[in-house]
Amino acid sequence: MSAAAVEGPYRPEPLALLEQANKLMEQHPGCRVEIIGGVITVAPPLDVPHARVLTKLMKPFLAAGLDAEETEVLQGVGLWLPTSPEDYAIPDLVVVDADIHEHLIENNCYDPASFRLVLEVTSSNFNNDLKNKVTAYAEAKVPVYVIVNRKHGRVHVLTDPVEGGYDTHRVHAPGEHIALPESIGAEVTLDVEAVLATGRP
């Protein structure tokens, strides 16, 4: 007597991380969904002080002429990361080569070679900006990473990417003025107190 084949319950194939991330974006409009180190993160929509910091920060970049023929200053542009097959981040503010539209990789994310600077303004998930993204952006060889650390009242400027992080990490307090590296395409100076004051509730 032969046994009949028994079919188990239907189990669909698990969604790839990128599909899961895109589904989360559809389910939570306005949230920022990223994959860093093979882990999906979801950040809530920006609060008003966070948005004000970005507006304040756009001004010195624009005044320096970085939104011209060779470069652009943009918000919320996807950066494809080499840290894992489906990793990507969406920095708050970027300075990119003007031909970035020619360097689309996948999922509205672009080749990290087009990014001269990425900037993050910390929110409730500030550890992500201060740890995971440091590694991710360094691995992507983004030359300059700026963090407006609202939690601790500091501005971090990281340069010289190496494996696992940045070789140079300077922390600036209120009262200081930061001259960003000219490698971004122009001379830009940030007033730490003015930037942080804008980000206070």
N, C-alpha and C. Protein backbone atom coordinates (compact mmCIF):
# COMPACT_ATOMS: atom_id res chain seq x y z
N MET A 1 0.85 -1.17 0.00
CA MET A 1 0.00 0.00 0.00
C MET A 1 0.89 1.23 0.00
N SER A 2 0.67 2.08 -0.94
CA SER A 2 1.49 3.28 -1.02
C SER A 2 0.80 4.44 -0.33
N ALA A 3 1.62 5.29 0.27
CA ALA A 3 1.07 6.45 0.97
C ALA A 3 0.85 7.57 -0.02
N ALA A 4 -0.25 8.24 0.13
CA ALA A 4 -0.55 9.38 -0.74
C ALA A 4 0.33 10.55 -0.34
N ALA A 5 0.71 11.32 -1.33
CA ALA A 5 1.51 12.51 -1.03
C ALA A 5 0.66 13.50 -0.25
N VAL A 6 1.24 14.06 0.77
CA VAL A 6 0.52 15.03 1.60
C VAL A 6 1.09 16.41 1.32
N GLU A 7 0.22 17.29 0.96
CA GLU A 7 0.66 18.66 0.70
C GLU A 7 0.57 19.46 1.98
N GLY A 8 1.62 20.22 2.25
CA GLY A 8 1.62 21.08 3.44
C GLY A 8 0.90 22.39 3.14
N PRO A 9 0.76 23.22 4.15
CA PRO A 9 0.13 24.52 3.92
C PRO A 9 0.97 25.37 2.97
N TYR A 10 0.33 26.23 2.23
CA TYR A 10 1.03 27.09 1.28
C TYR A 10 1.85 28.13 2.04
N ARG A 11 3.11 28.18 1.77
CA ARG A 11 3.98 29.17 2.40
C ARG A 11 4.63 29.98 1.28
N PRO A 12 4.20 31.23 1.14
CA PRO A 12 4.80 32.03 0.07
C PRO A 12 6.27 32.29 0.36
N GLU A 13 7.01 32.51 -0.70
CA GLU A 13 8.43 32.85 -0.55
C GLU A 13 8.53 34.15 0.25
N PRO A 14 9.48 34.23 1.18
CA PRO A 14 9.62 35.49 1.92
C PRO A 14 10.04 36.61 0.98
N LEU A 15 9.54 37.79 1.26
CA LEU A 15 9.88 38.94 0.43
C LEU A 15 11.34 39.30 0.63
N ALA A 16 11.98 39.70 -0.45
CA ALA A 16 13.33 40.23 -0.34
C ALA A 16 13.27 41.52 0.49
N LEU A 17 14.40 41.89 1.08
CA LEU A 17 14.44 43.09 1.94
C LEU A 17 13.94 44.32 1.20
N LEU A 18 14.37 44.47 -0.05
CA LEU A 18 13.98 45.65 -0.83
C LEU A 18 12.47 45.69 -1.03
N GLU A 19 11.87 44.53 -1.29
CA GLU A 19 10.41 44.47 -1.43
C GLU A 19 9.72 44.80 -0.11
N GLN A 20 10.27 44.28 0.99
CA GLN A 20 9.70 44.59 2.30
C GLN A 20 9.78 46.09 2.59
N ALA A 21 10.93 46.68 2.27
CA ALA A 21 11.11 48.12 2.51
C ALA A 21 10.12 48.94 1.69
N ASN A 22 9.96 48.57 0.43
CA ASN A 22 9.02 49.31 -0.42
C ASN A 22 7.58 49.15 0.06
N LYS A 23 7.26 47.97 0.56
CA LYS A 23 5.92 47.73 1.10
C LYS A 23 5.69 48.60 2.34
N LEU A 24 6.70 48.70 3.19
CA LEU A 24 6.60 49.54 4.39
C LEU A 24 6.40 51.01 4.01
N MET A 25 7.09 51.46 2.95
CA MET A 25 6.92 52.85 2.50
C MET A 25 5.49 53.10 2.04
N GLU A 26 4.91 52.11 1.36
CA GLU A 26 3.52 52.25 0.91
C GLU A 26 2.56 52.29 2.10
N GLN A 27 2.85 51.48 3.11
CA GLN A 27 1.98 51.40 4.28
C GLN A 27 2.13 52.58 5.22
N HIS A 28 3.28 53.26 5.17
CA HIS A 28 3.56 54.37 6.08
C HIS A 28 4.04 55.59 5.31
N PRO A 29 3.13 56.24 4.57
CA PRO A 29 3.54 57.39 3.77
C PRO A 29 4.17 58.48 4.65
N GLY A 30 5.23 59.07 4.15
CA GLY A 30 5.90 60.14 4.89
C GLY A 30 7.03 59.64 5.76
N CYS A 31 7.07 58.34 6.05
CA CYS A 31 8.17 57.78 6.84
C CYS A 31 9.36 57.52 5.92
N ARG A 32 10.55 57.54 6.52
CA ARG A 32 11.76 57.25 5.74
C ARG A 32 12.17 55.82 6.05
N VAL A 33 12.17 54.99 5.03
CA VAL A 33 12.55 53.58 5.17
C VAL A 33 13.91 53.39 4.50
N GLU A 34 14.85 52.77 5.24
CA GLU A 34 16.19 52.53 4.72
C GLU A 34 16.60 51.10 5.07
N ILE A 35 17.60 50.59 4.36
CA ILE A 35 18.19 49.30 4.69
C ILE A 35 19.68 49.54 4.90
N ILE A 36 20.13 49.35 6.13
CA ILE A 36 21.53 49.60 6.48
C ILE A 36 22.07 48.37 7.18
N GLY A 37 23.13 47.80 6.63
CA GLY A 37 23.69 46.60 7.21
C GLY A 37 22.73 45.42 7.17
N GLY A 38 21.88 45.39 6.14
CA GLY A 38 20.92 44.31 6.00
C GLY A 38 19.75 44.39 6.95
N VAL A 39 19.56 45.55 7.60
CA VAL A 39 18.46 45.75 8.56
C VAL A 39 17.58 46.90 8.09
N ILE A 40 16.27 46.67 8.05
CA ILE A 40 15.34 47.72 7.65
C ILE A 40 15.10 48.64 8.85
N THR A 41 15.20 49.94 8.60
CA THR A 41 14.86 50.93 9.63
C THR A 41 13.76 51.83 9.10
N VAL A 42 12.88 52.24 9.99
CA VAL A 42 11.79 53.13 9.62
C VAL A 42 11.83 54.34 10.55
N ALA A 43 11.97 55.51 9.98
CA ALA A 43 11.99 56.75 10.76
C ALA A 43 10.69 57.51 10.52
N PRO A 44 10.13 58.11 11.57
CA PRO A 44 8.89 58.86 11.39
C PRO A 44 9.10 60.09 10.53
N PRO A 45 8.01 60.71 10.06
CA PRO A 45 8.15 61.95 9.29
C PRO A 45 8.90 63.01 10.11
N LEU A 46 9.56 63.93 9.42
CA LEU A 46 10.32 64.98 10.08
C LEU A 46 9.43 65.84 10.96
N ASP A 47 9.96 66.22 12.14
CA ASP A 47 9.25 67.22 12.93
C ASP A 47 9.67 68.60 12.42
N VAL A 48 8.98 69.63 12.87
CA VAL A 48 9.23 70.98 12.36
C VAL A 48 10.66 71.45 12.65
N PRO A 49 11.20 71.28 13.88
CA PRO A 49 12.58 71.73 14.10
C PRO A 49 13.59 71.03 13.19
N HIS A 50 13.38 69.75 12.93
CA HIS A 50 14.27 69.01 12.02
C HIS A 50 14.21 69.63 10.62
N ALA A 51 13.02 69.91 10.15
CA ALA A 51 12.85 70.51 8.82
C ALA A 51 13.47 71.91 8.77
N ARG A 52 13.36 72.66 9.88
CA ARG A 52 13.94 74.01 9.93
C ARG A 52 15.46 73.95 9.80
N VAL A 53 16.09 72.97 10.45
CA VAL A 53 17.54 72.83 10.35
C VAL A 53 17.94 72.63 8.89
N LEU A 54 17.21 71.79 8.18
CA LEU A 54 17.55 71.55 6.77
C LEU A 54 17.41 72.81 5.94
N THR A 55 16.36 73.58 6.19
CA THR A 55 16.17 74.85 5.47
C THR A 55 17.32 75.80 5.77
N LYS A 56 17.68 75.90 7.06
CA LYS A 56 18.78 76.78 7.48
C LYS A 56 20.09 76.34 6.82
N LEU A 57 20.32 75.04 6.76
CA LEU A 57 21.57 74.53 6.21
C LEU A 57 21.66 74.68 4.69
N MET A 58 20.55 74.68 4.01
CA MET A 58 20.58 74.85 2.55
C MET A 58 21.22 76.19 2.17
N LYS A 59 20.96 77.22 2.99
CA LYS A 59 21.37 78.59 2.62
C LYS A 59 22.86 78.75 2.39
N PRO A 60 23.76 78.32 3.31
CA PRO A 60 25.18 78.52 3.02
C PRO A 60 25.68 77.69 1.83
N PHE A 61 25.09 76.54 1.61
CA PHE A 61 25.49 75.73 0.45
C PHE A 61 25.07 76.42 -0.85
N LEU A 62 23.87 76.96 -0.86
CA LEU A 62 23.39 77.66 -2.05
C LEU A 62 24.17 78.95 -2.27
N ALA A 63 24.43 79.69 -1.17
CA ALA A 63 25.18 80.95 -1.29
C ALA A 63 26.59 80.72 -1.81
N ALA A 64 27.15 79.55 -1.53
CA ALA A 64 28.50 79.22 -2.00
C ALA A 64 28.51 78.81 -3.47
N GLY A 65 27.33 78.70 -4.08
CA GLY A 65 27.26 78.35 -5.50
C GLY A 65 27.28 76.86 -5.78
N LEU A 66 26.95 76.06 -4.76
CA LEU A 66 27.00 74.61 -4.95
C LEU A 66 25.78 74.05 -5.68
N ASP A 67 24.83 74.88 -5.98
CA ASP A 67 23.66 74.43 -6.75
C ASP A 67 23.74 75.08 -8.13
N ALA A 68 24.83 74.76 -8.83
CA ALA A 68 25.09 75.41 -10.12
C ALA A 68 25.38 74.36 -11.19
N GLU A 69 26.39 74.61 -12.01
CA GLU A 69 26.66 73.73 -13.16
C GLU A 69 27.29 72.39 -12.77
N GLU A 70 28.19 72.39 -11.79
CA GLU A 70 28.92 71.16 -11.45
C GLU A 70 28.29 70.34 -10.35
N THR A 71 27.56 70.99 -9.47
CA THR A 71 27.00 70.29 -8.30
C THR A 71 25.56 70.72 -8.06
N GLU A 72 24.88 69.90 -7.25
CA GLU A 72 23.53 70.24 -6.80
C GLU A 72 23.43 69.98 -5.31
N VAL A 73 22.55 70.72 -4.63
CA VAL A 73 22.25 70.53 -3.22
C VAL A 73 20.82 70.02 -3.15
N LEU A 74 20.64 68.81 -2.63
CA LEU A 74 19.33 68.17 -2.66
C LEU A 74 18.98 67.57 -1.30
N GLN A 75 17.70 67.31 -1.11
CA GLN A 75 17.22 66.65 0.10
C GLN A 75 16.56 65.32 -0.28
N GLY A 76 16.75 64.32 0.60
CA GLY A 76 16.03 63.06 0.46
C GLY A 76 16.34 62.25 -0.78
N VAL A 77 17.60 62.23 -1.22
CA VAL A 77 18.00 61.45 -2.40
C VAL A 77 18.58 60.12 -1.94
N GLY A 78 18.13 59.03 -2.56
CA GLY A 78 18.59 57.70 -2.18
C GLY A 78 20.03 57.44 -2.62
N LEU A 79 20.80 56.86 -1.69
CA LEU A 79 22.20 56.53 -1.92
C LEU A 79 22.36 55.01 -1.80
N TRP A 80 22.77 54.35 -2.88
CA TRP A 80 22.94 52.89 -2.87
C TRP A 80 24.22 52.57 -2.11
N LEU A 81 24.15 51.65 -1.14
CA LEU A 81 25.29 51.35 -0.28
C LEU A 81 25.91 50.00 -0.63
N PRO A 82 27.24 49.89 -0.51
CA PRO A 82 27.91 48.63 -0.82
C PRO A 82 27.97 47.66 0.36
N THR A 83 27.37 48.00 1.50
CA THR A 83 27.51 47.21 2.72
C THR A 83 26.75 45.90 2.69
N SER A 84 25.72 45.80 1.87
CA SER A 84 24.92 44.58 1.75
C SER A 84 24.18 44.68 0.42
N PRO A 85 23.76 43.55 -0.18
CA PRO A 85 23.21 43.60 -1.54
C PRO A 85 22.02 44.52 -1.74
N GLU A 86 21.22 44.77 -0.69
CA GLU A 86 20.04 45.62 -0.88
C GLU A 86 20.09 46.89 -0.02
N ASP A 87 21.26 47.23 0.50
CA ASP A 87 21.37 48.39 1.38
C ASP A 87 21.24 49.71 0.63
N TYR A 88 20.54 50.62 1.25
CA TYR A 88 20.47 51.99 0.76
C TYR A 88 20.11 52.91 1.91
N ALA A 89 20.46 54.18 1.77
CA ALA A 89 20.10 55.19 2.77
C ALA A 89 19.53 56.38 2.04
N ILE A 90 18.80 57.20 2.80
CA ILE A 90 18.23 58.42 2.24
C ILE A 90 18.67 59.57 3.15
N PRO A 91 19.85 60.13 2.88
CA PRO A 91 20.35 61.23 3.73
C PRO A 91 19.41 62.43 3.69
N ASP A 92 19.46 63.22 4.78
CA ASP A 92 18.62 64.42 4.85
C ASP A 92 19.01 65.44 3.78
N LEU A 93 20.32 65.65 3.61
CA LEU A 93 20.81 66.67 2.69
C LEU A 93 22.07 66.14 2.02
N VAL A 94 22.24 66.43 0.75
CA VAL A 94 23.43 65.97 0.03
C VAL A 94 23.95 67.05 -0.91
N VAL A 95 25.25 66.99 -1.15
CA VAL A 95 25.87 67.73 -2.25
C VAL A 95 26.34 66.66 -3.22
N VAL A 96 25.84 66.73 -4.45
CA VAL A 96 26.12 65.69 -5.44
C VAL A 96 26.60 66.31 -6.75
N ASP A 97 27.23 65.47 -7.56
CA ASP A 97 27.61 65.91 -8.91
C ASP A 97 26.34 66.21 -9.70
N ALA A 98 26.41 67.21 -10.55
CA ALA A 98 25.23 67.65 -11.29
C ALA A 98 24.68 66.59 -12.24
N ASP A 99 25.51 65.63 -12.63
CA ASP A 99 25.03 64.59 -13.54
C ASP A 99 24.52 63.36 -12.79
N ILE A 100 24.11 63.53 -11.56
CA ILE A 100 23.68 62.39 -10.73
C ILE A 100 22.57 61.58 -11.40
N HIS A 101 21.70 62.26 -12.15
CA HIS A 101 20.58 61.55 -12.79
C HIS A 101 21.07 60.46 -13.75
N GLU A 102 22.32 60.54 -14.19
CA GLU A 102 22.89 59.53 -15.09
C GLU A 102 23.44 58.32 -14.32
N HIS A 103 23.38 58.36 -12.99
CA HIS A 103 24.01 57.33 -12.17
C HIS A 103 23.02 56.60 -11.26
N LEU A 104 21.80 56.44 -11.78
CA LEU A 104 20.79 55.68 -11.07
C LEU A 104 21.19 54.21 -11.03
N ILE A 105 21.10 53.58 -9.86
CA ILE A 105 21.43 52.15 -9.75
C ILE A 105 20.15 51.33 -9.68
N GLU A 106 19.34 51.58 -8.65
CA GLU A 106 18.12 50.79 -8.45
C GLU A 106 17.27 51.47 -7.39
N ASN A 107 15.94 51.26 -7.48
CA ASN A 107 15.03 51.69 -6.42
C ASN A 107 15.16 53.18 -6.09
N ASN A 108 15.34 54.01 -7.10
CA ASN A 108 15.53 55.45 -6.92
C ASN A 108 16.75 55.78 -6.07
N CYS A 109 17.77 54.95 -6.14
CA CYS A 109 19.01 55.18 -5.41
C CYS A 109 20.16 55.31 -6.40
N TYR A 110 21.14 56.13 -6.03
CA TYR A 110 22.20 56.50 -6.96
C TYR A 110 23.57 56.05 -6.48
N ASP A 111 24.49 55.98 -7.43
CA ASP A 111 25.86 55.55 -7.18
C ASP A 111 26.52 56.48 -6.15
N PRO A 112 27.10 55.92 -5.09
CA PRO A 112 27.73 56.76 -4.08
C PRO A 112 28.88 57.61 -4.61
N ALA A 113 29.46 57.23 -5.75
CA ALA A 113 30.54 58.03 -6.33
C ALA A 113 30.07 59.43 -6.72
N SER A 114 28.76 59.63 -6.85
CA SER A 114 28.21 60.95 -7.22
C SER A 114 28.04 61.88 -6.02
N PHE A 115 28.25 61.36 -4.81
CA PHE A 115 27.99 62.14 -3.59
C PHE A 115 29.28 62.74 -3.05
N ARG A 116 29.28 64.07 -2.89
CA ARG A 116 30.45 64.75 -2.33
C ARG A 116 30.30 64.95 -0.82
N LEU A 117 29.07 65.06 -0.36
CA LEU A 117 28.79 65.26 1.06
C LEU A 117 27.41 64.71 1.36
N VAL A 118 27.28 64.06 2.52
CA VAL A 118 25.96 63.70 3.03
C VAL A 118 25.83 64.32 4.42
N LEU A 119 24.61 64.71 4.75
CA LEU A 119 24.36 65.35 6.03
C LEU A 119 23.11 64.75 6.64
N GLU A 120 23.19 64.44 7.93
CA GLU A 120 22.04 63.92 8.67
C GLU A 120 21.77 64.83 9.86
N VAL A 121 20.50 65.05 10.13
CA VAL A 121 20.05 65.76 11.33
C VAL A 121 19.42 64.70 12.22
N THR A 122 19.93 64.54 13.43
CA THR A 122 19.46 63.45 14.28
C THR A 122 18.01 63.65 14.72
N SER A 123 17.34 62.50 14.85
CA SER A 123 15.97 62.45 15.38
C SER A 123 15.98 61.46 16.54
N SER A 124 14.85 60.83 16.81
CA SER A 124 14.77 59.89 17.91
C SER A 124 15.69 58.69 17.73
N ASN A 125 16.01 58.35 16.49
CA ASN A 125 16.90 57.21 16.20
C ASN A 125 18.33 57.70 15.98
N PHE A 126 18.80 58.62 16.84
CA PHE A 126 20.09 59.27 16.63
C PHE A 126 21.27 58.30 16.57
N ASN A 127 21.17 57.15 17.25
CA ASN A 127 22.27 56.18 17.21
C ASN A 127 22.52 55.66 15.80
N ASN A 128 21.47 55.60 15.00
CA ASN A 128 21.64 55.16 13.62
C ASN A 128 22.55 56.12 12.86
N ASP A 129 22.34 57.43 13.05
CA ASP A 129 23.17 58.43 12.37
C ASP A 129 24.60 58.43 12.90
N LEU A 130 24.76 58.18 14.22
CA LEU A 130 26.07 58.28 14.87
C LEU A 130 26.89 57.01 14.77
N LYS A 131 26.26 55.88 14.46
CA LYS A 131 27.01 54.62 14.41
C LYS A 131 26.86 53.91 13.07
N ASN A 132 25.65 53.39 12.81
CA ASN A 132 25.45 52.57 11.61
C ASN A 132 25.75 53.32 10.32
N LYS A 133 25.32 54.56 10.26
CA LYS A 133 25.53 55.32 9.01
C LYS A 133 26.98 55.76 8.85
N VAL A 134 27.69 55.91 9.97
CA VAL A 134 29.12 56.23 9.87
C VAL A 134 29.82 55.12 9.09
N THR A 135 29.56 53.89 9.49
CA THR A 135 30.16 52.74 8.80
C THR A 135 29.69 52.66 7.35
N ALA A 136 28.38 52.80 7.15
CA ALA A 136 27.81 52.66 5.81
C ALA A 136 28.34 53.71 4.84
N TYR A 137 28.36 54.98 5.27
CA TYR A 137 28.82 56.04 4.38
C TYR A 137 30.33 55.94 4.13
N ALA A 138 31.07 55.49 5.13
CA ALA A 138 32.52 55.30 4.92
C ALA A 138 32.77 54.18 3.92
N GLU A 139 32.03 53.08 4.06
CA GLU A 139 32.19 51.97 3.12
C GLU A 139 31.82 52.40 1.69
N ALA A 140 30.87 53.35 1.59
CA ALA A 140 30.47 53.88 0.29
C ALA A 140 31.46 54.92 -0.23
N LYS A 141 32.47 55.24 0.59
CA LYS A 141 33.50 56.22 0.26
C LYS A 141 32.95 57.63 0.03
N VAL A 142 31.90 57.97 0.78
CA VAL A 142 31.40 59.35 0.74
C VAL A 142 32.45 60.21 1.44
N PRO A 143 33.01 61.22 0.77
CA PRO A 143 34.16 61.94 1.34
C PRO A 143 33.88 62.73 2.61
N VAL A 144 32.68 63.30 2.72
CA VAL A 144 32.36 64.14 3.88
C VAL A 144 30.99 63.76 4.41
N TYR A 145 30.94 63.49 5.72
CA TYR A 145 29.69 63.17 6.40
C TYR A 145 29.53 64.14 7.55
N VAL A 146 28.45 64.92 7.53
CA VAL A 146 28.16 65.90 8.58
C VAL A 146 26.93 65.42 9.36
N ILE A 147 27.03 65.46 10.69
CA ILE A 147 25.90 65.08 11.54
C ILE A 147 25.55 66.26 12.44
N VAL A 148 24.32 66.74 12.32
CA VAL A 148 23.82 67.74 13.25
C VAL A 148 23.19 66.96 14.40
N ASN A 149 23.90 66.89 15.51
CA ASN A 149 23.52 66.06 16.64
C ASN A 149 22.67 66.88 17.60
N ARG A 150 21.37 66.89 17.36
CA ARG A 150 20.45 67.67 18.20
C ARG A 150 20.40 67.12 19.63
N LYS A 151 20.57 65.84 19.78
CA LYS A 151 20.49 65.19 21.09
C LYS A 151 21.57 65.72 22.04
N HIS A 152 22.80 65.87 21.54
CA HIS A 152 23.93 66.26 22.38
C HIS A 152 24.44 67.68 22.10
N GLY A 153 23.76 68.42 21.22
CA GLY A 153 24.13 69.80 20.96
C GLY A 153 25.51 69.97 20.34
N ARG A 154 25.80 69.17 19.32
CA ARG A 154 27.10 69.21 18.65
C ARG A 154 26.90 69.01 17.15
N VAL A 155 27.92 69.40 16.38
CA VAL A 155 27.94 69.09 14.95
C VAL A 155 29.22 68.31 14.69
N HIS A 156 29.08 67.15 14.08
CA HIS A 156 30.21 66.27 13.77
C HIS A 156 30.55 66.41 12.29
N VAL A 157 31.84 66.48 12.00
CA VAL A 157 32.29 66.48 10.61
C VAL A 157 33.28 65.32 10.46
N LEU A 158 32.91 64.35 9.63
CA LEU A 158 33.74 63.17 9.41
C LEU A 158 34.28 63.21 7.98
N THR A 159 35.59 63.00 7.85
CA THR A 159 36.24 63.02 6.54
C THR A 159 37.24 61.87 6.45
N ASP A 160 37.74 61.64 5.27
CA ASP A 160 38.74 60.60 5.02
C ASP A 160 38.19 59.21 5.33
N PRO A 161 37.27 58.72 4.49
CA PRO A 161 36.68 57.40 4.75
C PRO A 161 37.72 56.28 4.67
N VAL A 162 37.62 55.35 5.62
CA VAL A 162 38.45 54.14 5.65
C VAL A 162 37.51 52.98 5.93
N GLU A 163 38.02 51.77 5.91
CA GLU A 163 37.18 50.62 6.18
C GLU A 163 36.60 50.69 7.59
N GLY A 164 35.28 50.66 7.68
CA GLY A 164 34.61 50.65 8.98
C GLY A 164 34.36 52.01 9.60
N GLY A 165 34.79 53.10 8.97
CA GLY A 165 34.54 54.41 9.56
C GLY A 165 35.30 55.50 8.84
N TYR A 166 35.53 56.59 9.54
CA TYR A 166 36.24 57.74 8.97
C TYR A 166 37.51 57.97 9.78
N ASP A 167 38.59 58.32 9.10
CA ASP A 167 39.87 58.53 9.76
C ASP A 167 39.87 59.82 10.57
N THR A 168 39.11 60.81 10.12
CA THR A 168 39.04 62.09 10.82
C THR A 168 37.61 62.34 11.28
N HIS A 169 37.46 62.61 12.58
CA HIS A 169 36.13 62.87 13.16
C HIS A 169 36.28 64.05 14.12
N ARG A 170 35.78 65.20 13.68
CA ARG A 170 35.86 66.40 14.52
C ARG A 170 34.47 66.73 15.06
N VAL A 171 34.42 67.07 16.34
CA VAL A 171 33.16 67.41 16.99
C VAL A 171 33.22 68.90 17.33
N HIS A 172 32.18 69.63 16.92
CA HIS A 172 32.16 71.09 17.10
C HIS A 172 31.01 71.50 18.02
N ALA A 173 31.32 72.41 18.93
CA ALA A 173 30.36 72.88 19.93
C ALA A 173 29.80 74.24 19.55
N PRO A 174 28.68 74.65 20.18
CA PRO A 174 28.15 75.99 19.94
C PRO A 174 29.24 77.05 20.18
N GLY A 175 29.23 78.08 19.34
CA GLY A 175 30.26 79.12 19.40
C GLY A 175 31.33 78.93 18.34
N GLU A 176 31.42 77.72 17.80
CA GLU A 176 32.41 77.45 16.75
C GLU A 176 31.81 77.67 15.37
N HIS A 177 32.69 77.97 14.42
CA HIS A 177 32.33 78.03 13.01
C HIS A 177 33.13 76.93 12.30
N ILE A 178 32.46 76.18 11.45
CA ILE A 178 33.08 75.04 10.77
C ILE A 178 33.32 75.39 9.31
N ALA A 179 34.57 75.27 8.89
CA ALA A 179 34.90 75.40 7.46
C ALA A 179 34.90 73.98 6.89
N LEU A 180 33.93 73.69 6.06
CA LEU A 180 33.85 72.35 5.47
C LEU A 180 34.95 72.17 4.42
N PRO A 181 35.37 70.93 4.17
CA PRO A 181 36.43 70.70 3.16
C PRO A 181 36.03 71.25 1.79
N GLU A 182 36.96 71.91 1.14
CA GLU A 182 36.68 72.49 -0.17
C GLU A 182 36.46 71.44 -1.24
N SER A 183 36.74 70.19 -0.91
CA SER A 183 36.52 69.10 -1.87
C SER A 183 35.05 68.96 -2.24
N ILE A 184 34.15 69.56 -1.45
CA ILE A 184 32.73 69.48 -1.81
C ILE A 184 32.41 70.39 -2.99
N GLY A 185 33.35 71.29 -3.34
CA GLY A 185 33.17 72.12 -4.52
C GLY A 185 33.17 73.61 -4.28
N ALA A 186 33.19 74.04 -3.01
CA ALA A 186 33.21 75.47 -2.69
C ALA A 186 33.52 75.62 -1.21
N GLU A 187 33.78 76.86 -0.81
CA GLU A 187 34.01 77.15 0.61
C GLU A 187 32.67 77.35 1.29
N VAL A 188 32.40 76.53 2.31
CA VAL A 188 31.15 76.63 3.07
C VAL A 188 31.51 76.66 4.55
N THR A 189 30.97 77.64 5.26
CA THR A 189 31.19 77.75 6.70
C THR A 189 29.84 77.64 7.40
N LEU A 190 29.80 76.82 8.45
CA LEU A 190 28.57 76.63 9.23
C LEU A 190 28.75 77.21 10.62
N ASP A 191 27.76 77.94 11.09
CA ASP A 191 27.72 78.48 12.44
C ASP A 191 27.02 77.45 13.32
N VAL A 192 27.77 76.79 14.19
CA VAL A 192 27.22 75.68 14.98
C VAL A 192 26.03 76.11 15.84
N GLU A 193 26.16 77.22 16.53
CA GLU A 193 25.07 77.68 17.40
C GLU A 193 23.82 77.99 16.60
N ALA A 194 23.97 78.66 15.47
CA ALA A 194 22.81 79.01 14.65
C ALA A 194 22.10 77.76 14.15
N VAL A 195 22.88 76.77 13.72
CA VAL A 195 22.28 75.53 13.22
C VAL A 195 21.54 74.79 14.33
N LEU A 196 22.19 74.66 15.49
CA LEU A 196 21.56 73.93 16.60
C LEU A 196 20.35 74.65 17.15
N ALA A 197 20.42 75.98 17.21
CA ALA A 197 19.29 76.77 17.73
C ALA A 197 18.05 76.56 16.87
N THR A 198 18.25 76.44 15.57
CA THR A 198 17.12 76.22 14.65
C THR A 198 16.45 74.89 14.93
N GLY A 199 17.22 73.91 15.40
CA GLY A 199 16.68 72.57 15.62
C GLY A 199 16.07 72.33 16.99
N ARG A 200 16.05 73.37 17.83
CA ARG A 200 15.44 73.19 19.16
C ARG A 200 13.93 73.36 19.07
N PRO A 201 13.19 72.57 19.84
CA PRO A 201 11.71 72.69 19.80
C PRO A 201 11.24 74.05 20.29
